[in-house]
Amino acid sequence: LTPRARLRLAQLVVEHGWTHTAAATLFMVSARTAKKWSDRYRAEGPAGMADRSSRPRSSPTKTRVGLVRRIVRLRWRHRLGPVQIAGRLGMAASTVHAV
């Protein structure tokens, strides 16, 4: 849904007393989606209808910066591939390859 359609859906539920199911049917979305947007409208008003980033807030399994630098240095200075670098650093070749 566009932000404008989300706002209209939420207003139908919150201000006009429509059920989540009825509003969802009109906008061709699930009742769960209609509830999500109406709840957000109650909490944040029209500003809550804007798109939000889907980017994760954190990446706990992300390879540390220092380790990435070591991998890049070995790859460029010694022209080693992922398997050789993984052997030297004691890590999975797939991790090295992902860098």
PDB file of N, CA and C in Angstrom:
ATOM      1  N   LEU A   1       0.827  -1.193   0.000  1.00  0.00           N
ATOM      2  CA  LEU A   1       0.000   0.000   0.000  1.00  0.00           C
ATOM      3  C   LEU A   1       0.868   1.252   0.000  1.00  0.00           C
ATOM      4  N   THR A   2       0.374   2.268  -0.622  1.00  0.00           N
ATOM      5  CA  THR A   2       1.064   3.559  -0.576  1.00  0.00           C
ATOM      6  C   THR A   2       0.770   4.217   0.776  1.00  0.00           C
ATOM      7  N   PRO A   3       1.589   5.165   1.185  1.00  0.00           N
ATOM      8  CA  PRO A   3       1.300   5.857   2.447  1.00  0.00           C
ATOM      9  C   PRO A   3      -0.100   6.482   2.471  1.00  0.00           C
ATOM     10  N   ARG A   4      -0.551   6.997   1.343  1.00  0.00           N
ATOM     11  CA  ARG A   4      -1.884   7.601   1.285  1.00  0.00           C
ATOM     12  C   ARG A   4      -2.973   6.536   1.486  1.00  0.00           C
ATOM     13  N   ALA A   5      -2.799   5.363   0.881  1.00  0.00           N
ATOM     14  CA  ALA A   5      -3.773   4.280   1.046  1.00  0.00           C
ATOM     15  C   ALA A   5      -3.761   3.754   2.484  1.00  0.00           C
ATOM     16  N   ARG A   6      -2.572   3.670   3.087  1.00  0.00           N
ATOM     17  CA  ARG A   6      -2.475   3.245   4.488  1.00  0.00           C
ATOM     18  C   ARG A   6      -3.246   4.199   5.386  1.00  0.00           C
ATOM     19  N   LEU A   7      -3.074   5.492   5.124  1.00  0.00           N
ATOM     20  CA  LEU A   7      -3.764   6.504   5.917  1.00  0.00           C
ATOM     21  C   LEU A   7      -5.271   6.349   5.778  1.00  0.00           C
ATOM     22  N   ARG A   8      -5.741   6.174   4.569  1.00  0.00           N
ATOM     23  CA  ARG A   8      -7.192   6.024   4.340  1.00  0.00           C
ATOM     24  C   ARG A   8      -7.715   4.768   5.029  1.00  0.00           C
ATOM     25  N   LEU A   9      -6.994   3.666   4.907  1.00  0.00           N
ATOM     26  CA  LEU A   9      -7.388   2.416   5.564  1.00  0.00           C
ATOM     27  C   LEU A   9      -7.469   2.625   7.076  1.00  0.00           C
ATOM     28  N   ALA A  10      -6.434   3.228   7.644  1.00  0.00           N
ATOM     29  CA  ALA A  10      -6.395   3.444   9.093  1.00  0.00           C
ATOM     30  C   ALA A  10      -7.519   4.367   9.547  1.00  0.00           C
ATOM     31  N   GLN A  11      -7.807   5.388   8.771  1.00  0.00           N
ATOM     32  CA  GLN A  11      -8.889   6.308   9.132  1.00  0.00           C
ATOM     33  C   GLN A  11     -10.243   5.609   9.099  1.00  0.00           C
ATOM     34  N   LEU A  12     -10.444   4.729   8.131  1.00  0.00           N
ATOM     35  CA  LEU A  12     -11.708   3.991   8.080  1.00  0.00           C
ATOM     36  C   LEU A  12     -11.906   3.166   9.346  1.00  0.00           C
ATOM     37  N   VAL A  13     -10.834   2.528   9.807  1.00  0.00           N
ATOM     38  CA  VAL A  13     -10.929   1.681  10.999  1.00  0.00           C
ATOM     39  C   VAL A  13     -11.056   2.528  12.260  1.00  0.00           C
ATOM     40  N   VAL A  14     -10.164   3.502  12.428  1.00  0.00           N
ATOM     41  CA  VAL A  14     -10.090   4.265  13.676  1.00  0.00           C
ATOM     42  C   VAL A  14     -11.205   5.299  13.796  1.00  0.00           C
ATOM     43  N   GLU A  15     -11.418   6.071  12.750  1.00  0.00           N
ATOM     44  CA  GLU A  15     -12.342   7.195  12.848  1.00  0.00           C
ATOM     45  C   GLU A  15     -13.765   6.879  12.398  1.00  0.00           C
ATOM     46  N   HIS A  16     -13.911   5.904  11.525  1.00  0.00           N
ATOM     47  CA  HIS A  16     -15.243   5.602  10.999  1.00  0.00           C
ATOM     48  C   HIS A  16     -15.807   4.278  11.506  1.00  0.00           C
ATOM     49  N   GLY A  17     -15.050   3.576  12.329  1.00  0.00           N
ATOM     50  CA  GLY A  17     -15.555   2.375  12.978  1.00  0.00           C
ATOM     51  C   GLY A  17     -15.627   1.122  12.119  1.00  0.00           C
ATOM     52  N   TRP A  18     -14.937   1.097  10.997  1.00  0.00           N
ATOM     53  CA  TRP A  18     -14.933  -0.109  10.173  1.00  0.00           C
ATOM     54  C   TRP A  18     -14.174  -1.210  10.908  1.00  0.00           C
ATOM     55  N   THR A  19     -14.518  -2.446  10.614  1.00  0.00           N
ATOM     56  CA  THR A  19     -13.756  -3.568  11.165  1.00  0.00           C
ATOM     57  C   THR A  19     -12.481  -3.723  10.344  1.00  0.00           C
ATOM     58  N   HIS A  20     -11.497  -4.379  10.957  1.00  0.00           N
ATOM     59  CA  HIS A  20     -10.251  -4.633  10.232  1.00  0.00           C
ATOM     60  C   HIS A  20     -10.522  -5.469   8.987  1.00  0.00           C
ATOM     61  N   THR A  21     -11.406  -6.442   9.115  1.00  0.00           N
ATOM     62  CA  THR A  21     -11.708  -7.331   7.993  1.00  0.00           C
ATOM     63  C   THR A  21     -12.348  -6.575   6.837  1.00  0.00           C
ATOM     64  N   ALA A  22     -13.303  -5.703   7.137  1.00  0.00           N
ATOM     65  CA  ALA A  22     -13.984  -4.948   6.080  1.00  0.00           C
ATOM     66  C   ALA A  22     -13.020  -4.004   5.369  1.00  0.00           C
ATOM     67  N   ALA A  23     -12.207  -3.296   6.125  1.00  0.00           N
ATOM     68  CA  ALA A  23     -11.239  -2.381   5.519  1.00  0.00           C
ATOM     69  C   ALA A  23     -10.194  -3.158   4.721  1.00  0.00           C
ATOM     70  N   ALA A  24      -9.776  -4.298   5.254  1.00  0.00           N
ATOM     71  CA  ALA A  24      -8.789  -5.124   4.557  1.00  0.00           C
ATOM     72  C   ALA A  24      -9.336  -5.622   3.227  1.00  0.00           C
ATOM     73  N   THR A  25     -10.591  -6.016   3.213  1.00  0.00           N
ATOM     74  CA  THR A  25     -11.219  -6.482   1.978  1.00  0.00           C
ATOM     75  C   THR A  25     -11.259  -5.362   0.940  1.00  0.00           C
ATOM     76  N   LEU A  26     -11.616  -4.167   1.361  1.00  0.00           N
ATOM     77  CA  LEU A  26     -11.690  -3.028   0.450  1.00  0.00           C
ATOM     78  C   LEU A  26     -10.328  -2.712  -0.177  1.00  0.00           C
ATOM     79  N   PHE A  27      -9.270  -2.797   0.629  1.00  0.00           N
ATOM     80  CA  PHE A  27      -7.936  -2.457   0.143  1.00  0.00           C
ATOM     81  C   PHE A  27      -7.142  -3.670  -0.339  1.00  0.00           C
ATOM     82  N   MET A  28      -7.785  -4.841  -0.341  1.00  0.00           N
ATOM     83  CA  MET A  28      -7.179  -6.090  -0.814  1.00  0.00           C
ATOM     84  C   MET A  28      -5.878  -6.437  -0.076  1.00  0.00           C
ATOM     85  N   VAL A  29      -5.937  -6.346   1.255  1.00  0.00           N
ATOM     86  CA  VAL A  29      -4.836  -6.757   2.117  1.00  0.00           C
ATOM     87  C   VAL A  29      -5.407  -7.662   3.200  1.00  0.00           C
ATOM     88  N   SER A  30      -4.541  -8.253   4.006  1.00  0.00           N
ATOM     89  CA  SER A  30      -5.016  -9.114   5.084  1.00  0.00           C
ATOM     90  C   SER A  30      -5.536  -8.274   6.252  1.00  0.00           C
ATOM     91  N   ALA A  31      -6.357  -8.886   7.077  1.00  0.00           N
ATOM     92  CA  ALA A  31      -6.866  -8.201   8.267  1.00  0.00           C
ATOM     93  C   ALA A  31      -5.715  -7.863   9.212  1.00  0.00           C
ATOM     94  N   ARG A  32      -4.700  -8.710   9.224  1.00  0.00           N
ATOM     95  CA  ARG A  32      -3.527  -8.461  10.062  1.00  0.00           C
ATOM     96  C   ARG A  32      -2.819  -7.169   9.623  1.00  0.00           C
ATOM     97  N   THR A  33      -2.721  -6.972   8.309  1.00  0.00           N
ATOM     98  CA  THR A  33      -2.107  -5.754   7.788  1.00  0.00           C
ATOM     99  C   THR A  33      -2.947  -4.536   8.144  1.00  0.00           C
ATOM    100  N   ALA A  34      -4.252  -4.667   8.024  1.00  0.00           N
ATOM    101  CA  ALA A  34      -5.147  -3.562   8.382  1.00  0.00           C
ATOM    102  C   ALA A  34      -4.997  -3.210   9.860  1.00  0.00           C
ATOM    103  N   LYS A  35      -4.867  -4.220  10.704  1.00  0.00           N
ATOM    104  CA  LYS A  35      -4.684  -3.981  12.138  1.00  0.00           C
ATOM    105  C   LYS A  35      -3.351  -3.289  12.401  1.00  0.00           C
ATOM    106  N   LYS A  36      -2.306  -3.725  11.704  1.00  0.00           N
ATOM    107  CA  LYS A  36      -0.988  -3.113  11.879  1.00  0.00           C
ATOM    108  C   LYS A  36      -1.039  -1.618  11.580  1.00  0.00           C
ATOM    109  N   TRP A  37      -1.646  -1.247  10.451  1.00  0.00           N
ATOM    110  CA  TRP A  37      -1.680   0.159  10.064  1.00  0.00           C
ATOM    111  C   TRP A  37      -2.609   0.971  10.955  1.00  0.00           C
ATOM    112  N   SER A  38      -3.718   0.394  11.372  1.00  0.00           N
ATOM    113  CA  SER A  38      -4.619   1.148  12.255  1.00  0.00           C
ATOM    114  C   SER A  38      -3.992   1.334  13.640  1.00  0.00           C
ATOM    115  N   ASP A  39      -3.288   0.325  14.135  1.00  0.00           N
ATOM    116  CA  ASP A  39      -2.592   0.461  15.421  1.00  0.00           C
ATOM    117  C   ASP A  39      -1.504   1.534  15.341  1.00  0.00           C
ATOM    118  N   ARG A  40      -0.773   1.542  14.242  1.00  0.00           N
ATOM    119  CA  ARG A  40       0.284   2.542  14.084  1.00  0.00           C
ATOM    120  C   ARG A  40      -0.314   3.944  13.950  1.00  0.00           C
ATOM    121  N   TYR A  41      -1.457   4.039  13.299  1.00  0.00           N
ATOM    122  CA  TYR A  41      -2.135   5.334  13.160  1.00  0.00           C
ATOM    123  C   TYR A  41      -2.574   5.844  14.529  1.00  0.00           C
ATOM    124  N   ARG A  42      -3.098   4.956  15.362  1.00  0.00           N
ATOM    125  CA  ARG A  42      -3.496   5.350  16.721  1.00  0.00           C
ATOM    126  C   ARG A  42      -2.292   5.850  17.518  1.00  0.00           C
ATOM    127  N   ALA A  43      -1.172   5.171  17.365  1.00  0.00           N
ATOM    128  CA  ALA A  43       0.018   5.499  18.150  1.00  0.00           C
ATOM    129  C   ALA A  43       0.770   6.723  17.629  1.00  0.00           C
ATOM    130  N   GLU A  44       0.863   6.866  16.300  1.00  0.00           N
ATOM    131  CA  GLU A  44       1.734   7.892  15.734  1.00  0.00           C
ATOM    132  C   GLU A  44       1.028   8.919  14.864  1.00  0.00           C
ATOM    133  N   GLY A  45      -0.230   8.693  14.573  1.00  0.00           N
ATOM    134  CA  GLY A  45      -0.947   9.622  13.705  1.00  0.00           C
ATOM    135  C   GLY A  45      -0.551   9.447  12.250  1.00  0.00           C
ATOM    136  N   PRO A  46      -0.877  10.427  11.417  1.00  0.00           N
ATOM    137  CA  PRO A  46      -0.577  10.327   9.986  1.00  0.00           C
ATOM    138  C   PRO A  46       0.910  10.130   9.672  1.00  0.00           C
ATOM    139  N   ALA A  47       1.787  10.641  10.518  1.00  0.00           N
ATOM    140  CA  ALA A  47       3.230  10.487  10.280  1.00  0.00           C
ATOM    141  C   ALA A  47       3.659   9.022  10.323  1.00  0.00           C
ATOM    142  N   GLY A  48       2.920   8.193  11.037  1.00  0.00           N
ATOM    143  CA  GLY A  48       3.254   6.777  11.143  1.00  0.00           C
ATOM    144  C   GLY A  48       2.977   5.971   9.892  1.00  0.00           C
ATOM    145  N   MET A  49       2.343   6.580   8.903  1.00  0.00           N
ATOM    146  CA  MET A  49       2.004   5.870   7.672  1.00  0.00           C
ATOM    147  C   MET A  49       3.143   5.871   6.656  1.00  0.00           C
ATOM    148  N   ALA A  50       4.199   6.612   6.929  1.00  0.00           N
ATOM    149  CA  ALA A  50       5.332   6.705   6.002  1.00  0.00           C
ATOM    150  C   ALA A  50       6.093   5.384   5.947  1.00  0.00           C
ATOM    151  N   ASP A  51       6.777   5.168   4.828  1.00  0.00           N
ATOM    152  CA  ASP A  51       7.618   3.983   4.683  1.00  0.00           C
ATOM    153  C   ASP A  51       8.740   4.031   5.709  1.00  0.00           C
ATOM    154  N   ARG A  52       9.132   2.861   6.183  1.00  0.00           N
ATOM    155  CA  ARG A  52      10.254   2.753   7.104  1.00  0.00           C
ATOM    156  C   ARG A  52      11.312   1.859   6.489  1.00  0.00           C
ATOM    157  N   SER A  53      12.521   2.034   6.927  1.00  0.00           N
ATOM    158  CA  SER A  53      13.615   1.217   6.426  1.00  0.00           C
ATOM    159  C   SER A  53      13.447  -0.220   6.907  1.00  0.00           C
ATOM    160  N   SER A  54      13.765  -1.164   6.030  1.00  0.00           N
ATOM    161  CA  SER A  54      13.717  -2.572   6.421  1.00  0.00           C
ATOM    162  C   SER A  54      15.114  -3.086   6.775  1.00  0.00           C
ATOM    163  N   ARG A  55      16.077  -2.173   6.804  1.00  0.00           N
ATOM    164  CA  ARG A  55      17.446  -2.537   7.137  1.00  0.00           C
ATOM    165  C   ARG A  55      17.519  -2.982   8.598  1.00  0.00           C
ATOM    166  N   PRO A  56      18.238  -4.053   8.869  1.00  0.00           N
ATOM    167  CA  PRO A  56      18.373  -4.487  10.263  1.00  0.00           C
ATOM    168  C   PRO A  56      19.068  -3.425  11.111  1.00  0.00           C
ATOM    169  N   ARG A  57      18.675  -3.323  12.359  1.00  0.00           N
ATOM    170  CA  ARG A  57      19.294  -2.345  13.253  1.00  0.00           C
ATOM    171  C   ARG A  57      20.721  -2.743  13.617  1.00  0.00           C
ATOM    172  N   SER A  58      20.976  -4.037  13.648  1.00  0.00           N
ATOM    173  CA  SER A  58      22.319  -4.514  13.941  1.00  0.00           C
ATOM    174  C   SER A  58      22.569  -5.809  13.182  1.00  0.00           C
ATOM    175  N   SER A  59      23.843  -6.143  13.022  1.00  0.00           N
ATOM    176  CA  SER A  59      24.247  -7.389  12.373  1.00  0.00           C
ATOM    177  C   SER A  59      25.250  -8.076  13.289  1.00  0.00           C
ATOM    178  N   PRO A  60      24.768  -8.822  14.277  1.00  0.00           N
ATOM    179  CA  PRO A  60      25.672  -9.393  15.274  1.00  0.00           C
ATOM    180  C   PRO A  60      26.677 -10.396  14.711  1.00  0.00           C
ATOM    181  N   THR A  61      26.392 -11.001  13.564  1.00  0.00           N
ATOM    182  CA  THR A  61      27.320 -11.980  13.000  1.00  0.00           C
ATOM    183  C   THR A  61      28.210 -11.380  11.918  1.00  0.00           C
ATOM    184  N   LYS A  62      28.178 -10.072  11.768  1.00  0.00           N
ATOM    185  CA  LYS A  62      28.992  -9.397  10.761  1.00  0.00           C
ATOM    186  C   LYS A  62      30.472  -9.572  11.096  1.00  0.00           C
ATOM    187  N   THR A  63      31.283  -9.778  10.065  1.00  0.00           N
ATOM    188  CA  THR A  63      32.720  -9.956  10.251  1.00  0.00           C
ATOM    189  C   THR A  63      33.338  -8.648  10.751  1.00  0.00           C
ATOM    190  N   ARG A  64      34.154  -8.756  11.794  1.00  0.00           N
ATOM    191  CA  ARG A  64      34.769  -7.576  12.401  1.00  0.00           C
ATOM    192  C   ARG A  64      35.656  -6.829  11.400  1.00  0.00           C
ATOM    193  N   VAL A  65      35.739  -5.519  11.556  1.00  0.00           N
ATOM    194  CA  VAL A  65      36.487  -4.665  10.630  1.00  0.00           C
ATOM    195  C   VAL A  65      37.962  -5.065  10.576  1.00  0.00           C
ATOM    196  N   GLY A  66      38.561  -5.335  11.723  1.00  0.00           N
ATOM    197  CA  GLY A  66      39.973  -5.723  11.751  1.00  0.00           C
ATOM    198  C   GLY A  66      40.236  -7.000  10.979  1.00  0.00           C
ATOM    199  N   LEU A  67      39.322  -7.940  11.088  1.00  0.00           N
ATOM    200  CA  LEU A  67      39.462  -9.205  10.372  1.00  0.00           C
ATOM    201  C   LEU A  67      39.278  -9.005   8.871  1.00  0.00           C
ATOM    202  N   VAL A  68      38.357  -8.150   8.505  1.00  0.00           N
ATOM    203  CA  VAL A  68      38.150  -7.841   7.083  1.00  0.00           C
ATOM    204  C   VAL A  68      39.425  -7.242   6.500  1.00  0.00           C
ATOM    205  N   ARG A  69      40.060  -6.348   7.234  1.00  0.00           N
ATOM    206  CA  ARG A  69      41.312  -5.738   6.759  1.00  0.00           C
ATOM    207  C   ARG A  69      42.406  -6.781   6.566  1.00  0.00           C
ATOM    208  N   ARG A  70      42.510  -7.728   7.506  1.00  0.00           N
ATOM    209  CA  ARG A  70      43.521  -8.788   7.380  1.00  0.00           C
ATOM    210  C   ARG A  70      43.251  -9.645   6.155  1.00  0.00           C
ATOM    211  N   ILE A  71      41.989  -9.970   5.921  1.00  0.00           N
ATOM    212  CA  ILE A  71      41.620 -10.783   4.755  1.00  0.00           C
ATOM    213  C   ILE A  71      41.983 -10.054   3.467  1.00  0.00           C
ATOM    214  N   VAL A  72      41.618  -8.789   3.386  1.00  0.00           N
ATOM    215  CA  VAL A  72      41.901  -8.001   2.180  1.00  0.00           C
ATOM    216  C   VAL A  72      43.408  -7.871   1.971  1.00  0.00           C
ATOM    217  N   ARG A  73      44.138  -7.635   3.049  1.00  0.00           N
ATOM    218  CA  ARG A  73      45.594  -7.511   2.943  1.00  0.00           C
ATOM    219  C   ARG A  73      46.219  -8.804   2.416  1.00  0.00           C
ATOM    220  N   LEU A  74      45.813  -9.954   2.949  1.00  0.00           N
ATOM    221  CA  LEU A  74      46.343 -11.232   2.471  1.00  0.00           C
ATOM    222  C   LEU A  74      45.957 -11.484   1.016  1.00  0.00           C
ATOM    223  N   ARG A  75      44.763 -11.108   0.667  1.00  0.00           N
ATOM    224  CA  ARG A  75      44.300 -11.345  -0.701  1.00  0.00           C
ATOM    225  C   ARG A  75      45.096 -10.495  -1.699  1.00  0.00           C
ATOM    226  N   TRP A  76      45.350  -9.235  -1.349  1.00  0.00           N
ATOM    227  CA  TRP A  76      46.035  -8.343  -2.287  1.00  0.00           C
ATOM    228  C   TRP A  76      47.558  -8.502  -2.255  1.00  0.00           C
ATOM    229  N   ARG A  77      48.141  -8.584  -1.081  1.00  0.00           N
ATOM    230  CA  ARG A  77      49.606  -8.647  -0.994  1.00  0.00           C
ATOM    231  C   ARG A  77      50.158 -10.009  -1.389  1.00  0.00           C
ATOM    232  N   HIS A  78      49.471 -11.065  -0.983  1.00  0.00           N
ATOM    233  CA  HIS A  78      49.996 -12.409  -1.220  1.00  0.00           C
ATOM    234  C   HIS A  78      49.235 -13.158  -2.300  1.00  0.00           C
ATOM    235  N   ARG A  79      48.199 -12.510  -2.855  1.00  0.00           N
ATOM    236  CA  ARG A  79      47.400 -13.099  -3.936  1.00  0.00           C
ATOM    237  C   ARG A  79      46.871 -14.482  -3.558  1.00  0.00           C
ATOM    238  N   LEU A  80      46.349 -14.591  -2.339  1.00  0.00           N
ATOM    239  CA  LEU A  80      45.803 -15.855  -1.853  1.00  0.00           C
ATOM    240  C   LEU A  80      44.300 -15.905  -2.080  1.00  0.00           C
ATOM    241  N   GLY A  81      43.783 -17.105  -2.241  1.00  0.00           N
ATOM    242  CA  GLY A  81      42.351 -17.306  -2.396  1.00  0.00           C
ATOM    243  C   GLY A  81      41.689 -17.558  -1.048  1.00  0.00           C
ATOM    244  N   PRO A  82      40.372 -17.725  -1.042  1.00  0.00           N
ATOM    245  CA  PRO A  82      39.626 -17.912   0.204  1.00  0.00           C
ATOM    246  C   PRO A  82      40.068 -19.122   1.028  1.00  0.00           C
ATOM    247  N   VAL A  83      40.387 -20.220   0.376  1.00  0.00           N
ATOM    248  CA  VAL A  83      40.764 -21.434   1.115  1.00  0.00           C
ATOM    249  C   VAL A  83      42.096 -21.228   1.826  1.00  0.00           C
ATOM    250  N   GLN A  84      43.074 -20.637   1.130  1.00  0.00           N
ATOM    251  CA  GLN A  84      44.384 -20.407   1.746  1.00  0.00           C
ATOM    252  C   GLN A  84      44.292 -19.387   2.888  1.00  0.00           C
ATOM    253  N   ILE A  85      43.534 -18.330   2.675  1.00  0.00           N
ATOM    254  CA  ILE A  85      43.373 -17.311   3.719  1.00  0.00           C
ATOM    255  C   ILE A  85      42.656 -17.907   4.923  1.00  0.00           C
ATOM    256  N   ALA A  86      41.630 -18.706   4.670  1.00  0.00           N
ATOM    257  CA  ALA A  86      40.887 -19.342   5.762  1.00  0.00           C
ATOM    258  C   ALA A  86      41.802 -20.239   6.579  1.00  0.00           C
ATOM    259  N   GLY A  87      42.693 -20.958   5.916  1.00  0.00           N
ATOM    260  CA  GLY A  87      43.647 -21.816   6.616  1.00  0.00           C
ATOM    261  C   GLY A  87      44.586 -21.018   7.497  1.00  0.00           C
ATOM    262  N   ARG A  88      45.043 -19.892   7.006  1.00  0.00           N
ATOM    263  CA  ARG A  88      45.963 -19.049   7.785  1.00  0.00           C
ATOM    264  C   ARG A  88      45.273 -18.390   8.979  1.00  0.00           C
ATOM    265  N   LEU A  89      44.016 -17.984   8.792  1.00  0.00           N
ATOM    266  CA  LEU A  89      43.317 -17.248   9.851  1.00  0.00           C
ATOM    267  C   LEU A  89      42.447 -18.135  10.731  1.00  0.00           C
ATOM    268  N   GLY A  90      42.294 -19.401  10.360  1.00  0.00           N
ATOM    269  CA  GLY A  90      41.496 -20.321  11.168  1.00  0.00           C
ATOM    270  C   GLY A  90      40.010 -20.012  11.141  1.00  0.00           C
ATOM    271  N   MET A  91      39.499 -19.768   9.959  1.00  0.00           N
ATOM    272  CA  MET A  91      38.074 -19.468   9.818  1.00  0.00           C
ATOM    273  C   MET A  91      37.531 -20.177   8.582  1.00  0.00           C
ATOM    274  N   ALA A  92      36.236 -20.084   8.383  1.00  0.00           N
ATOM    275  CA  ALA A  92      35.597 -20.744   7.251  1.00  0.00           C
ATOM    276  C   ALA A  92      35.934 -20.026   5.947  1.00  0.00           C
ATOM    277  N   ALA A  93      36.166 -20.810   4.901  1.00  0.00           N
ATOM    278  CA  ALA A  93      36.454 -20.241   3.586  1.00  0.00           C
ATOM    279  C   ALA A  93      35.269 -19.435   3.070  1.00  0.00           C
ATOM    280  N   SER A  94      34.059 -19.842   3.433  1.00  0.00           N
ATOM    281  CA  SER A  94      32.871 -19.109   2.983  1.00  0.00           C
ATOM    282  C   SER A  94      32.839 -17.694   3.566  1.00  0.00           C
ATOM    283  N   THR A  95      33.339 -17.534   4.788  1.00  0.00           N
ATOM    284  CA  THR A  95      33.408 -16.204   5.398  1.00  0.00           C
ATOM    285  C   THR A  95      34.406 -15.338   4.645  1.00  0.00           C
ATOM    286  N   VAL A  96      35.560 -15.919   4.331  1.00  0.00           N
ATOM    287  CA  VAL A  96      36.584 -15.184   3.586  1.00  0.00           C
ATOM    288  C   VAL A  96      36.050 -14.815   2.208  1.00  0.00           C
ATOM    289  N   HIS A  97      35.382 -15.739   1.574  1.00  0.00           N
ATOM    290  CA  HIS A  97      34.844 -15.495   0.235  1.00  0.00           C
ATOM    291  C   HIS A  97      33.789 -14.388   0.254  1.00  0.00           C
ATOM    292  N   ALA A  98      33.028 -14.298   1.329  1.00  0.00           N
ATOM    293  CA  ALA A  98      31.984 -13.276   1.442  1.00  0.00           C
ATOM    294  C   ALA A  98      32.567 -11.871   1.557  1.00  0.00           C
ATOM    295  N   VAL A  99      33.807 -11.791   2.041  1.00  0.00           N
ATOM    296  CA  VAL A  99      34.457 -10.486   2.164  1.00  0.00           C
ATOM    297  C   VAL A  99      34.941 -10.090   0.797  1.00  0.00           C
TER     298      VAL A  99
END
